[in-house]
Protein backbone atom coordinates (compact mmCIF):
# COMPACT_ATOMS: atom_id res chain seq x y z
CA MET A 1 -42.84 -10.12 -15.87
CA ARG A 2 -43.61 -6.61 -14.95
CA ILE A 3 -41.21 -4.63 -12.69
CA ALA A 4 -42.19 -1.43 -10.97
CA VAL A 5 -39.57 0.81 -9.75
CA ALA A 6 -40.83 3.66 -7.15
CA SER A 7 -39.27 6.77 -8.96
CA ASP A 8 -38.41 10.39 -8.75
CA ASN A 9 -37.09 12.10 -11.95
CA LYS A 10 -36.18 8.78 -13.19
CA MET A 11 -34.18 8.04 -10.00
CA VAL A 12 -35.21 5.10 -7.58
CA SER A 13 -36.97 6.90 -4.79
CA GLY A 14 -36.03 6.74 -1.49
CA HIS A 15 -39.54 5.61 -0.09
CA PHE A 16 -42.09 3.92 -2.47
CA GLY A 17 -45.27 5.65 -1.05
CA HIS A 18 -44.18 9.23 -1.27
CA CYS A 19 -42.53 8.72 -5.08
CA GLU A 20 -43.69 10.85 -8.00
CA GLY A 21 -44.82 7.69 -9.64
CA PHE A 22 -43.78 4.13 -11.04
CA SER A 23 -41.66 3.52 -13.79
CA VAL A 24 -43.03 0.14 -15.00
CA TYR A 25 -41.11 -2.18 -17.26
CA ASP A 26 -42.18 -5.22 -19.16
CA VAL A 27 -39.45 -7.77 -19.23
CA ALA A 28 -39.09 -10.90 -21.16
CA ASP A 29 -36.31 -13.22 -21.88
CA SER A 30 -34.00 -11.02 -19.67
CA LYS A 31 -34.95 -8.19 -21.75
CA ILE A 32 -36.84 -4.89 -21.32
CA LEU A 33 -39.49 -4.65 -23.97
CA LYS A 34 -41.14 -1.48 -22.88
CA ASN A 35 -41.45 0.72 -20.03
CA GLU A 36 -43.86 3.63 -19.01
CA PHE A 37 -44.71 5.82 -16.20
CA ILE A 38 -47.51 5.72 -13.85
CA GLN A 39 -48.21 8.65 -11.59
CA ASN A 40 -48.71 7.65 -7.82
CA PRO A 41 -52.34 7.96 -7.07
CA GLY A 42 -51.75 8.79 -3.69
CA HIS A 43 -50.19 7.33 -0.46
CA LYS A 44 -53.08 5.81 1.48
CA PRO A 45 -52.38 2.73 3.82
CA GLY A 46 -52.74 -0.50 2.09
CA TYR A 47 -53.42 0.98 -1.24
CA LEU A 48 -50.35 0.83 -3.31
CA PRO A 49 -49.75 -2.89 -3.24
CA VAL A 50 -53.39 -3.30 -4.46
CA PHE A 51 -53.00 -0.76 -7.20
CA LEU A 52 -49.65 -2.18 -8.42
CA LYS A 53 -51.33 -5.62 -8.38
CA GLU A 54 -53.99 -4.40 -10.70
CA GLN A 55 -51.17 -3.28 -13.01
CA ASN A 56 -49.90 -6.73 -13.14
CA VAL A 57 -46.89 -5.82 -11.48
CA ASP A 58 -44.65 -8.85 -10.12
CA VAL A 59 -41.86 -7.02 -8.45
CA ILE A 60 -41.35 -3.83 -6.72
CA ILE A 61 -38.03 -1.94 -6.45
CA ALA A 62 -37.55 1.02 -4.26
CA GLY A 63 -34.99 2.60 -1.80
CA GLY A 64 -36.95 2.22 1.21
CA MET A 65 -40.20 0.83 2.53
CA GLY A 66 -42.17 0.30 5.67
CA GLY A 67 -42.73 -3.25 7.15
CA THR A 68 -46.44 -3.30 6.56
CA ALA A 69 -46.07 -2.30 2.96
CA GLN A 70 -43.47 -4.94 2.37
CA ASP A 71 -46.20 -7.44 3.86
CA LEU A 72 -49.00 -6.35 1.84
CA PHE A 73 -46.82 -6.69 -1.29
CA ARG A 74 -45.73 -10.09 -0.32
CA GLU A 75 -49.77 -10.88 0.24
CA ASN A 76 -50.26 -9.59 -3.15
CA ASP A 77 -47.63 -11.86 -4.56
CA ILE A 78 -45.29 -9.04 -5.44
CA GLU A 79 -41.66 -9.70 -4.84
CA VAL A 80 -40.16 -6.63 -2.84
CA VAL A 81 -36.65 -5.25 -3.68
CA VAL A 82 -35.58 -2.62 -1.16
CA GLY A 83 -32.18 -0.60 -0.74
CA ALA A 84 -31.90 0.20 -4.24
CA SER A 85 -30.49 3.54 -5.78
CA GLY A 86 -29.44 5.39 -8.82
CA LEU A 87 -31.31 5.33 -12.10
CA ALA A 88 -34.55 3.39 -12.32
CA ASP A 89 -33.42 1.88 -15.58
CA LYS A 90 -30.24 0.74 -14.28
CA SER A 91 -32.01 -1.00 -11.13
CA VAL A 92 -34.16 -3.04 -13.50
CA GLU A 93 -31.19 -4.08 -15.63
CA SER A 94 -29.30 -5.14 -12.58
CA TYR A 95 -32.30 -6.89 -11.19
CA ILE A 96 -32.78 -8.86 -14.44
CA SER A 97 -28.95 -10.04 -14.63
CA GLY A 98 -29.34 -11.09 -11.11
CA ASN A 99 -27.07 -8.37 -9.41
CA LEU A 100 -29.70 -6.54 -7.64
CA LYS A 101 -30.60 -8.20 -4.26
CA SER A 102 -33.01 -6.85 -1.40
CA THR A 103 -31.49 -5.54 1.50
CA ASN A 104 -34.41 -6.53 3.37
CA SER A 105 -34.24 -2.93 5.30
CA VAL A 106 -37.38 -1.45 6.87
CA CYS A 107 -38.20 2.11 6.99
CA THR A 108 -39.43 2.95 10.43
CA GLU A 109 -40.11 6.59 10.06
CA HIS A 110 -43.60 7.02 8.64
CA ALA A 111 -42.84 10.66 7.30
CA HIS A 112 -39.64 9.51 5.75
CA GLU A 113 -37.02 12.22 5.62
CA GLY A 114 -33.99 10.24 5.28
CA ASN A 115 -34.60 8.34 8.30
CA CYS A 116 -34.58 4.72 6.98
CA ASN A 117 -32.92 1.94 8.69
CA GLY A 118 -30.39 0.20 6.47
């Protein structure tokens, strides 16, 4: 399984589309085998779900995400987990252990300046 976390300086980003990049973790048998950082190639409508699918990502973790993006991830068979915060590494560990669940919240402010429905 590959898990991507929208990240800013090793922390879960408040909004996946405007993050610095994605911390991507390869996971097997409930253990992180390796991780890498992939720079955000740019926020363009509809692009990032396809980009992360091309990276073989199975799960995206973010603090917040708009409804259209969440739908596009699901259409690309990528599980969406929103409402996460803190260190990216810890969020993946929590997900693997079954302790990180999506809040299913939807960001409604496209500019996303901390205006996310929670």
